[in-house]
N, C-alpha and C. Protein backbone atom coordinates (compact mmCIF):
# COMPACT_ATOMS: atom_id res chain seq x y z
N MET A 1 -5.51 -0.45 -13.30
CA MET A 1 -4.65 -1.20 -12.42
C MET A 1 -5.03 -0.88 -10.97
N THR A 2 -5.13 -1.90 -10.16
CA THR A 2 -5.56 -1.70 -8.78
C THR A 2 -4.45 -1.06 -7.94
N LEU A 3 -4.86 -0.47 -6.83
CA LEU A 3 -3.91 0.14 -5.91
C LEU A 3 -2.92 -0.90 -5.40
N ASN A 4 -3.41 -2.09 -5.08
CA ASN A 4 -2.55 -3.16 -4.59
C ASN A 4 -1.48 -3.51 -5.63
N ARG A 5 -1.90 -3.61 -6.88
CA ARG A 5 -0.95 -3.94 -7.96
C ARG A 5 0.07 -2.81 -8.14
N ARG A 6 -0.38 -1.56 -8.09
CA ARG A 6 0.55 -0.43 -8.22
C ARG A 6 1.55 -0.42 -7.07
N PHE A 7 1.07 -0.73 -5.87
CA PHE A 7 1.94 -0.79 -4.70
C PHE A 7 3.06 -1.82 -4.90
N HIS A 8 2.68 -3.01 -5.30
CA HIS A 8 3.68 -4.06 -5.49
C HIS A 8 4.59 -3.77 -6.68
N ASP A 9 4.07 -3.16 -7.73
CA ASP A 9 4.91 -2.76 -8.86
C ASP A 9 5.94 -1.72 -8.41
N ALA A 10 5.55 -0.81 -7.53
CA ALA A 10 6.49 0.19 -7.03
C ALA A 10 7.62 -0.47 -6.26
N ILE A 11 7.30 -1.49 -5.48
CA ILE A 11 8.33 -2.22 -4.75
C ILE A 11 9.29 -2.90 -5.73
N LEU A 12 8.73 -3.52 -6.76
CA LEU A 12 9.58 -4.18 -7.76
C LEU A 12 10.46 -3.16 -8.49
N ASP A 13 9.91 -2.01 -8.81
CA ASP A 13 10.70 -0.96 -9.47
C ASP A 13 11.85 -0.52 -8.57
N ALA A 14 11.56 -0.34 -7.29
CA ALA A 14 12.58 0.14 -6.35
C ALA A 14 13.68 -0.90 -6.12
N ALA A 15 13.34 -2.17 -6.28
CA ALA A 15 14.32 -3.24 -6.05
C ALA A 15 15.37 -3.31 -7.17
N HIS A 16 15.03 -2.84 -8.35
CA HIS A 16 15.95 -2.89 -9.50
C HIS A 16 16.50 -4.31 -9.69
N ASN A 17 15.60 -5.29 -9.58
CA ASN A 17 16.01 -6.69 -9.67
C ASN A 17 15.20 -7.37 -10.76
N HIS A 18 15.84 -7.60 -11.90
CA HIS A 18 15.17 -8.20 -13.06
C HIS A 18 14.61 -9.59 -12.74
N PHE A 19 15.37 -10.38 -11.98
CA PHE A 19 14.93 -11.74 -11.67
C PHE A 19 13.71 -11.73 -10.74
N LEU A 20 13.69 -10.81 -9.79
CA LEU A 20 12.54 -10.68 -8.91
C LEU A 20 11.31 -10.29 -9.71
N ARG A 21 11.46 -9.35 -10.65
CA ARG A 21 10.33 -8.92 -11.48
C ARG A 21 9.81 -10.09 -12.31
N LYS A 22 10.71 -10.87 -12.91
CA LYS A 22 10.26 -12.02 -13.72
C LYS A 22 9.48 -13.01 -12.86
N ALA A 23 9.96 -13.26 -11.65
CA ALA A 23 9.26 -14.19 -10.77
C ALA A 23 7.89 -13.64 -10.39
N ALA A 24 7.83 -12.35 -10.10
CA ALA A 24 6.55 -11.73 -9.72
C ALA A 24 5.55 -11.77 -10.86
N VAL A 25 6.02 -11.52 -12.08
CA VAL A 25 5.13 -11.57 -13.24
C VAL A 25 4.55 -12.97 -13.38
N GLY A 26 5.37 -13.99 -13.15
CA GLY A 26 4.87 -15.37 -13.22
C GLY A 26 3.80 -15.65 -12.18
N VAL A 27 4.01 -15.16 -10.98
CA VAL A 27 3.02 -15.34 -9.91
C VAL A 27 1.74 -14.57 -10.24
N GLN A 28 1.90 -13.31 -10.68
CA GLN A 28 0.74 -12.48 -11.00
C GLN A 28 -0.09 -13.09 -12.13
N ALA A 29 0.55 -13.80 -13.04
CA ALA A 29 -0.18 -14.42 -14.15
C ALA A 29 -1.13 -15.50 -13.66
N SER A 30 -0.85 -16.08 -12.49
CA SER A 30 -1.72 -17.13 -11.95
C SER A 30 -2.89 -16.58 -11.14
N PHE A 31 -2.89 -15.30 -10.83
CA PHE A 31 -3.95 -14.73 -10.00
C PHE A 31 -5.37 -14.97 -10.52
N PRO A 32 -5.61 -14.85 -11.82
CA PRO A 32 -6.99 -15.08 -12.28
C PRO A 32 -7.51 -16.48 -11.94
N LEU A 33 -6.63 -17.43 -11.79
CA LEU A 33 -7.04 -18.79 -11.44
C LEU A 33 -7.54 -18.89 -10.00
N LEU A 34 -7.18 -17.91 -9.18
CA LEU A 34 -7.50 -17.97 -7.76
C LEU A 34 -8.88 -17.42 -7.42
N GLY A 35 -9.50 -16.70 -8.36
CA GLY A 35 -10.82 -16.13 -8.09
C GLY A 35 -10.72 -14.77 -7.44
N ASP A 36 -11.79 -14.35 -6.79
CA ASP A 36 -11.87 -13.03 -6.18
C ASP A 36 -10.82 -12.84 -5.09
N SER A 37 -10.38 -11.62 -4.97
CA SER A 37 -9.37 -11.25 -3.97
C SER A 37 -9.97 -11.25 -2.57
N ASN A 38 -9.16 -11.61 -1.60
CA ASN A 38 -9.57 -11.48 -0.20
C ASN A 38 -9.77 -10.02 0.17
N LEU A 39 -9.18 -9.12 -0.62
CA LEU A 39 -9.27 -7.70 -0.32
C LEU A 39 -10.67 -7.14 -0.58
N LEU A 40 -11.54 -7.94 -1.19
CA LEU A 40 -12.93 -7.51 -1.35
C LEU A 40 -13.68 -7.55 -0.02
N ASP A 41 -13.12 -8.28 0.92
CA ASP A 41 -13.67 -8.38 2.28
C ASP A 41 -13.09 -7.22 3.09
N LYS A 42 -13.94 -6.28 3.53
CA LYS A 42 -13.46 -5.05 4.17
C LYS A 42 -12.54 -5.30 5.37
N PRO A 43 -12.89 -6.19 6.31
CA PRO A 43 -11.96 -6.42 7.43
C PRO A 43 -10.61 -6.97 6.96
N ARG A 44 -10.62 -7.84 5.98
CA ARG A 44 -9.37 -8.39 5.45
C ARG A 44 -8.56 -7.30 4.76
N ALA A 45 -9.23 -6.41 4.03
CA ALA A 45 -8.55 -5.31 3.36
C ALA A 45 -7.88 -4.39 4.38
N ARG A 46 -8.57 -4.10 5.48
CA ARG A 46 -7.99 -3.25 6.52
C ARG A 46 -6.76 -3.92 7.14
N ALA A 47 -6.86 -5.22 7.39
CA ALA A 47 -5.74 -5.95 7.98
C ALA A 47 -4.54 -5.96 7.03
N ALA A 48 -4.78 -6.16 5.75
CA ALA A 48 -3.70 -6.16 4.76
C ALA A 48 -3.04 -4.79 4.68
N HIS A 49 -3.87 -3.75 4.72
CA HIS A 49 -3.32 -2.39 4.68
C HIS A 49 -2.44 -2.13 5.89
N ALA A 50 -2.89 -2.54 7.05
CA ALA A 50 -2.12 -2.33 8.28
C ALA A 50 -0.79 -3.10 8.20
N GLN A 51 -0.83 -4.32 7.70
CA GLN A 51 0.39 -5.13 7.58
C GLN A 51 1.37 -4.45 6.62
N HIS A 52 0.90 -4.02 5.46
CA HIS A 52 1.79 -3.37 4.50
C HIS A 52 2.34 -2.06 5.07
N SER A 53 1.50 -1.34 5.79
CA SER A 53 1.93 -0.07 6.36
C SER A 53 3.06 -0.30 7.37
N LEU A 54 2.90 -1.30 8.22
CA LEU A 54 3.93 -1.63 9.20
C LEU A 54 5.22 -2.03 8.50
N GLU A 55 5.14 -2.90 7.50
CA GLU A 55 6.33 -3.35 6.79
C GLU A 55 7.02 -2.17 6.11
N TYR A 56 6.25 -1.28 5.54
CA TYR A 56 6.82 -0.09 4.88
C TYR A 56 7.56 0.78 5.90
N ARG A 57 6.91 1.03 7.05
CA ARG A 57 7.56 1.88 8.06
C ARG A 57 8.84 1.24 8.59
N LEU A 58 8.82 -0.07 8.81
CA LEU A 58 10.02 -0.76 9.29
C LEU A 58 11.13 -0.70 8.25
N ALA A 59 10.76 -0.86 6.98
CA ALA A 59 11.77 -0.77 5.91
C ALA A 59 12.37 0.62 5.86
N ARG A 60 11.56 1.63 6.09
CA ARG A 60 12.06 3.01 6.05
C ARG A 60 13.10 3.27 7.14
N ILE A 61 12.97 2.58 8.27
CA ILE A 61 13.95 2.80 9.34
C ILE A 61 15.03 1.71 9.33
N GLY A 62 15.02 0.86 8.30
CA GLY A 62 16.09 -0.11 8.15
C GLY A 62 15.93 -1.41 8.90
N ARG A 63 14.71 -1.72 9.32
CA ARG A 63 14.48 -2.98 10.03
C ARG A 63 13.71 -3.93 9.13
N ASP A 64 14.17 -5.14 9.03
CA ASP A 64 13.49 -6.17 8.26
C ASP A 64 12.43 -6.80 9.17
N PRO A 65 11.13 -6.70 8.81
CA PRO A 65 10.10 -7.27 9.69
C PRO A 65 10.19 -8.78 9.80
N GLY A 66 10.92 -9.43 8.90
CA GLY A 66 11.04 -10.88 8.95
C GLY A 66 12.18 -11.36 9.84
N VAL A 67 12.95 -10.45 10.41
CA VAL A 67 14.08 -10.81 11.25
C VAL A 67 13.76 -10.47 12.71
N PRO A 68 13.68 -11.50 13.57
CA PRO A 68 13.37 -11.21 14.98
C PRO A 68 14.50 -10.42 15.63
N ARG A 69 14.14 -9.56 16.57
CA ARG A 69 15.15 -8.76 17.29
C ARG A 69 14.95 -8.93 18.77
């Protein structure tokens, strides 16, 4: 299992939301149809890591990155 998949599974586990997990499983099932991941591109992988890191840090301090302040 890839690091990206483990990361997102950890988020789903922490959410304790059965409906969210079912929806995510449905989305993940379609991934093979999309071809290679953008994360195989090193600059894109770095950008994705930075984005996830920022979202994680904001969540830790109680700020939703999707809500403007």
